[in-house]
Protein backbone atom coordinates (compact mmCIF):
# COMPACT_ATOMS: atom_id res chain seq x y z
CA MET A 1 -28.37 7.07 -2.26
CA ALA A 2 -26.41 6.54 -5.32
CA GLU A 3 -22.91 5.06 -4.95
CA ARG A 4 -19.97 3.77 -6.85
CA ARG A 5 -17.37 1.40 -5.49
CA VAL A 6 -14.01 1.62 -7.28
CA ASN A 7 -10.33 0.69 -6.62
CA VAL A 8 -7.84 3.51 -6.38
CA GLY A 9 -5.83 3.43 -9.59
CA TRP A 10 -2.97 5.70 -8.49
CA ALA A 11 0.02 3.59 -7.29
CA GLU A 12 0.60 5.94 -4.41
CA GLY A 13 -3.00 6.27 -3.41
CA LEU A 14 -4.93 9.18 -2.70
CA HIS A 15 -1.99 11.32 -1.55
CA ALA A 16 -0.73 14.98 -2.51
CA ARG A 17 -1.15 15.24 -6.18
CA PRO A 18 -3.72 12.60 -6.89
CA ALA A 19 -5.82 13.82 -4.02
CA SER A 20 -5.54 17.46 -5.37
CA ILE A 21 -6.81 16.17 -8.78
CA PHE A 22 -9.64 14.29 -7.22
CA VAL A 23 -10.82 17.13 -4.85
CA ARG A 24 -10.86 19.53 -7.77
CA ALA A 25 -13.04 17.10 -9.84
CA ALA A 26 -15.27 16.49 -6.83
CA THR A 27 -15.81 20.33 -6.35
CA ALA A 28 -16.41 20.68 -10.12
CA ALA A 29 -19.10 17.94 -9.96
CA GLY A 30 -21.55 20.54 -8.48
CA VAL A 31 -23.09 18.14 -6.17
CA PRO A 32 -22.29 17.06 -2.59
CA VAL A 33 -20.22 13.79 -2.93
CA THR A 34 -18.78 11.74 0.03
CA ILE A 35 -15.82 9.28 -0.16
CA ALA A 36 -14.94 6.53 2.10
CA LYS A 37 -12.84 3.42 2.41
CA ALA A 38 -15.18 0.37 1.82
CA ASP A 39 -15.39 -0.19 5.61
CA GLY A 40 -15.01 3.37 6.77
CA LYS A 41 -16.84 6.63 7.63
CA PRO A 42 -17.83 8.84 4.61
CA VAL A 43 -16.06 12.25 4.47
CA ASN A 44 -16.58 15.27 2.21
CA ALA A 45 -14.97 14.55 -1.18
CA ALA A 46 -14.44 18.25 -1.81
CA SER A 47 -12.14 18.55 1.31
CA MET A 48 -8.50 18.11 0.78
CA LEU A 49 -7.77 17.51 4.36
CA ALA A 50 -10.53 14.89 4.59
CA VAL A 51 -9.38 13.11 1.44
CA LEU A 52 -5.85 13.01 2.54
CA GLY A 53 -7.05 11.76 6.06
CA LEU A 54 -8.55 8.72 4.46
CA GLY A 55 -5.19 7.32 3.77
CA ALA A 56 -6.50 5.35 0.79
CA GLN A 57 -3.82 3.23 -0.75
CA GLY A 58 -3.39 2.16 -4.49
CA GLY A 59 -5.68 -0.73 -5.28
CA GLU A 60 -7.83 -0.19 -2.16
CA GLU A 61 -11.51 -0.02 -2.69
CA ILE A 62 -13.42 3.32 -1.95
CA VAL A 63 -16.94 4.20 -2.10
CA LEU A 64 -18.19 7.44 -3.70
CA ALA A 65 -21.74 8.48 -2.72
CA THR A 66 -24.23 11.32 -3.07
CA ASP A 67 -27.98 11.64 -2.33
CA ALA A 68 -28.37 14.45 -4.91
CA GLU A 69 -30.89 14.01 -7.67
CA GLY A 70 -29.60 13.04 -11.01
CA ALA A 71 -25.88 12.73 -9.71
CA ASP A 72 -25.17 9.45 -11.51
CA ALA A 73 -23.13 11.15 -14.22
CA ALA A 74 -20.96 13.01 -11.64
CA LEU A 75 -20.30 9.79 -9.72
CA ASP A 76 -19.43 7.97 -13.01
CA ARG A 77 -16.86 10.69 -14.01
CA LEU A 78 -15.33 10.56 -10.37
CA ALA A 79 -15.18 6.82 -10.32
CA LYS A 80 -13.53 6.82 -13.69
CA LEU A 81 -10.88 9.40 -12.55
CA VAL A 82 -10.07 7.31 -9.48
CA ALA A 83 -10.06 3.92 -11.24
CA GLU A 84 -7.79 5.00 -14.02
CA GLY A 85 -5.45 7.15 -11.85
CA LEU A 86 -5.57 9.98 -14.19
CA GLU A 87 -2.83 12.52 -13.91
CA GLU A 88 -4.89 15.56 -14.85
CA LEU A 89 -8.52 16.56 -14.91
CA PRO A 90 -10.13 15.51 -18.26
CA GLU A 91 -12.01 18.31 -20.01
CA THR A 92 -15.36 16.40 -19.39
CA VAL A 93 -14.96 16.81 -15.53
């Protein structure tokens, strides 16, 4: 299973708008991805309710993972989005 560990770059954490941006990117990745707090249970990264339910705070470490073949590029894009706290989806997502 491929995974990326990254700290949440949005000051407010994965709440409301940042969660919406992240979920759209996870859905666009085209592979099943999970997200979890470093010590928590993984949830579907394409589910707004699941992502909001994590309660991930700014600066907190999260783990993105997938067991899909060739998903390294998708995980890299999602990790960059989370780490940089981007306010909109880059065209490459």
